[in-house]
Amino acid sequence: MNAELLAFGLLSLATGIAVLVGARQLYPRLEVTADAESSLRLLTAMLAGVLLFAGLGLVLLGLFG
């Protein structure tokens, strides 16, 4: 078990979840066009997805690697 990988993985998972929660609270308050909003949602989903999958991979490597 590698504690550094586990810690960075948990940090990445927490950051990904925080991005999703923050975006959910922020998007209704923005006054942008529908096109811009859909682009923002796509970019946020991609960023959160990368963070979540990287975090999950690091946690698994930390536990079993």
C-alpha atoms as a PDB file:
ATOM      1  CA  MET A   1       0.000   0.000   0.000  1.00  0.00           C
ATOM      2  CA  ASN A   2       1.385   3.362  -1.048  1.00  0.00           C
ATOM      3  CA  ALA A   3       0.080   6.146   1.169  1.00  0.00           C
ATOM      4  CA  GLU A   4       1.133   8.949  -1.202  1.00  0.00           C
ATOM      5  CA  LEU A   5      -0.823   7.546  -4.133  1.00  0.00           C
ATOM      6  CA  LEU A   6      -3.789   6.943  -1.879  1.00  0.00           C
ATOM      7  CA  ALA A   7      -3.682  10.517  -0.548  1.00  0.00           C
ATOM      8  CA  PHE A   8      -3.383  12.084  -4.008  1.00  0.00           C
ATOM      9  CA  GLY A   9      -6.167   9.846  -5.279  1.00  0.00           C
ATOM     10  CA  LEU A  10      -8.492  10.850  -2.467  1.00  0.00           C
ATOM     11  CA  LEU A  11      -7.609  14.504  -3.039  1.00  0.00           C
ATOM     12  CA  SER A  12      -8.399  14.160  -6.739  1.00  0.00           C
ATOM     13  CA  LEU A  13     -11.707  12.422  -5.993  1.00  0.00           C
ATOM     14  CA  ALA A  14     -12.677  15.146  -3.521  1.00  0.00           C
ATOM     15  CA  THR A  15     -11.752  17.874  -6.013  1.00  0.00           C
ATOM     16  CA  GLY A  16     -13.814  16.233  -8.760  1.00  0.00           C
ATOM     17  CA  ILE A  17     -16.839  15.984  -6.491  1.00  0.00           C
ATOM     18  CA  ALA A  18     -16.365  19.591  -5.365  1.00  0.00           C
ATOM     19  CA  VAL A  19     -16.265  20.753  -8.993  1.00  0.00           C
ATOM     20  CA  LEU A  20     -19.546  18.971  -9.719  1.00  0.00           C
ATOM     21  CA  VAL A  21     -21.266  20.327  -6.601  1.00  0.00           C
ATOM     22  CA  GLY A  22     -19.965  23.843  -7.187  1.00  0.00           C
ATOM     23  CA  ALA A  23     -21.065  23.812 -10.813  1.00  0.00           C
ATOM     24  CA  ARG A  24     -24.518  22.626  -9.831  1.00  0.00           C
ATOM     25  CA  GLN A  25     -24.842  25.595  -7.469  1.00  0.00           C
ATOM     26  CA  LEU A  26     -23.314  28.121  -9.893  1.00  0.00           C
ATOM     27  CA  TYR A  27     -24.958  27.301 -13.229  1.00  0.00           C
ATOM     28  CA  PRO A  28     -28.508  28.433 -12.376  1.00  0.00           C
ATOM     29  CA  ARG A  29     -27.142  31.865 -11.361  1.00  0.00           C
ATOM     30  CA  LEU A  30     -25.282  32.485 -14.622  1.00  0.00           C
ATOM     31  CA  GLU A  31     -26.932  34.608 -17.253  1.00  0.00           C
ATOM     32  CA  VAL A  32     -25.504  33.122 -20.437  1.00  0.00           C
ATOM     33  CA  THR A  33     -26.991  31.877 -23.669  1.00  0.00           C
ATOM     34  CA  ALA A  34     -28.068  28.278 -24.026  1.00  0.00           C
ATOM     35  CA  ASP A  35     -25.072  27.546 -26.273  1.00  0.00           C
ATOM     36  CA  ALA A  36     -22.601  28.917 -23.761  1.00  0.00           C
ATOM     37  CA  GLU A  37     -24.287  27.055 -20.910  1.00  0.00           C
ATOM     38  CA  SER A  38     -24.129  23.743 -22.743  1.00  0.00           C
ATOM     39  CA  SER A  39     -20.447  24.331 -23.523  1.00  0.00           C
ATOM     40  CA  LEU A  40     -19.756  25.133 -19.858  1.00  0.00           C
ATOM     41  CA  ARG A  41     -21.574  22.000 -18.753  1.00  0.00           C
ATOM     42  CA  LEU A  42     -19.600  19.871 -21.199  1.00  0.00           C
ATOM     43  CA  LEU A  43     -16.260  21.335 -20.120  1.00  0.00           C
ATOM     44  CA  THR A  44     -17.135  20.922 -16.453  1.00  0.00           C
ATOM     45  CA  ALA A  45     -18.217  17.333 -17.001  1.00  0.00           C
ATOM     46  CA  MET A  46     -14.974  16.576 -18.830  1.00  0.00           C
ATOM     47  CA  LEU A  47     -12.865  18.183 -16.100  1.00  0.00           C
ATOM     48  CA  ALA A  48     -14.738  16.401 -13.322  1.00  0.00           C
ATOM     49  CA  GLY A  49     -14.565  13.103 -15.208  1.00  0.00           C
ATOM     50  CA  VAL A  50     -10.805  13.331 -15.600  1.00  0.00           C
ATOM     51  CA  LEU A  51     -10.407  14.185 -11.916  1.00  0.00           C
ATOM     52  CA  LEU A  52     -12.693  11.370 -10.789  1.00  0.00           C
ATOM     53  CA  PHE A  53     -11.154   8.698 -13.001  1.00  0.00           C
ATOM     54  CA  ALA A  54      -7.603   9.793 -12.179  1.00  0.00           C
ATOM     55  CA  GLY A  55      -8.462   9.776  -8.485  1.00  0.00           C
ATOM     56  CA  LEU A  56     -10.023   6.349  -8.711  1.00  0.00           C
ATOM     57  CA  GLY A  57      -6.989   5.022 -10.564  1.00  0.00           C
ATOM     58  CA  LEU A  58      -4.602   6.487  -8.006  1.00  0.00           C
ATOM     59  CA  VAL A  59      -6.608   5.043  -5.122  1.00  0.00           C
ATOM     60  CA  LEU A  60      -6.591   1.610  -6.734  1.00  0.00           C
ATOM     61  CA  LEU A  61      -2.857   1.833  -7.420  1.00  0.00           C
ATOM     62  CA  GLY A  62      -2.269   2.985  -3.878  1.00  0.00           C
ATOM     63  CA  LEU A  63      -4.224   0.089  -2.444  1.00  0.00           C
ATOM     64  CA  PHE A  64      -3.208  -2.759  -4.731  1.00  0.00           C
ATOM     65  CA  GLY A  65      -0.049  -1.545  -6.479  1.00  0.00           C
END
